[in-house]
Amino acid sequence: YADGSSAAGFFGTDTITVNLTNGRKGKLQNLTIGCTQSMANGVSFTEDTGGILGLGLAKDSFVEKA
């Protein structure tokens, strides 16, 4: 990451179905879902940590899929 930290873990892709405000359902296809197993030189995860949502503009970010 930009702050010099790094994460190790694994990820895969899935299709997520969400409820839209107009009552319809939408699909986010090929959404990357990951599980961090360890962090170095940055934030440490605990059982209280909810996770990280990728908001960059890379092809695997949530922003590109939404």
Protein backbone atom coordinates (compact mmCIF):
# COMPACT_ATOMS: atom_id res chain seq x y z
CA TYR A 1 0.00 0.00 0.00
CA ALA A 2 0.99 3.68 -0.32
CA ASP A 3 1.88 3.85 3.40
CA GLY A 4 4.45 1.04 3.05
CA SER A 5 2.26 -1.65 4.62
CA SER A 6 1.40 -4.92 2.96
CA ALA A 7 -1.16 -7.70 3.30
CA ALA A 8 -1.00 -11.42 2.62
CA GLY A 9 -3.94 -13.72 2.10
CA PHE A 10 -6.09 -15.10 -0.66
CA PHE A 11 -8.98 -13.99 -2.84
CA GLY A 12 -11.48 -15.27 -5.33
CA THR A 13 -14.37 -13.93 -7.38
CA ASP A 14 -18.12 -14.34 -7.02
CA THR A 15 -21.38 -12.80 -8.20
CA ILE A 16 -23.20 -10.83 -5.51
CA THR A 17 -26.92 -10.00 -5.74
CA VAL A 18 -28.04 -6.77 -4.06
CA ASN A 19 -31.43 -5.15 -3.48
CA LEU A 20 -31.75 -1.82 -5.32
CA THR A 21 -33.70 1.19 -4.07
CA ASN A 22 -36.22 0.76 -6.91
CA GLY A 23 -37.18 -2.69 -5.58
CA ARG A 24 -35.31 -4.60 -8.27
CA LYS A 25 -32.25 -6.79 -7.77
CA GLY A 26 -28.85 -6.03 -9.24
CA LYS A 27 -25.87 -8.29 -9.79
CA LEU A 28 -22.23 -7.40 -9.25
CA GLN A 29 -20.48 -9.97 -11.39
CA ASN A 30 -16.90 -11.14 -10.89
CA LEU A 31 -16.60 -9.21 -7.62
CA THR A 32 -13.27 -9.90 -5.95
CA ILE A 33 -13.61 -11.11 -2.35
CA GLY A 34 -10.52 -11.53 -0.22
CA CYS A 35 -9.42 -12.78 3.15
CA THR A 36 -6.35 -11.19 4.74
CA GLN A 37 -4.32 -13.60 6.82
CA SER A 38 -1.54 -11.23 7.92
CA MET A 39 -0.47 -7.58 7.72
CA ALA A 40 3.00 -6.03 7.84
CA ASN A 41 4.00 -2.46 8.75
CA GLY A 42 0.48 -1.12 9.11
CA VAL A 43 -2.95 -1.75 10.54
CA SER A 44 -3.37 -4.98 12.44
CA PHE A 45 -6.61 -6.92 12.24
CA THR A 46 -8.50 -8.14 15.29
CA GLU A 47 -11.83 -9.87 15.77
CA ASP A 48 -13.40 -6.37 15.89
CA THR A 49 -12.15 -5.43 12.42
CA GLY A 50 -14.87 -5.47 9.78
CA GLY A 51 -12.55 -5.62 6.77
CA ILE A 52 -11.33 -3.46 3.93
CA LEU A 53 -13.32 -2.34 0.91
CA GLY A 54 -11.19 -1.61 -2.17
CA LEU A 55 -12.21 1.82 -3.44
CA GLY A 56 -9.41 2.33 -5.96
CA LEU A 57 -9.86 2.38 -9.70
CA ALA A 58 -8.13 -0.93 -10.44
CA LYS A 59 -10.06 -3.70 -12.21
CA ASP A 60 -10.54 -5.60 -8.91
CA SER A 61 -11.92 -2.67 -6.91
CA PHE A 62 -15.51 -2.43 -5.70
CA VAL A 63 -15.82 0.94 -7.49
CA GLU A 64 -15.20 -0.67 -10.88
CA LYS A 65 -17.90 -3.31 -10.26
CA ALA A 66 -20.64 -1.10 -8.78
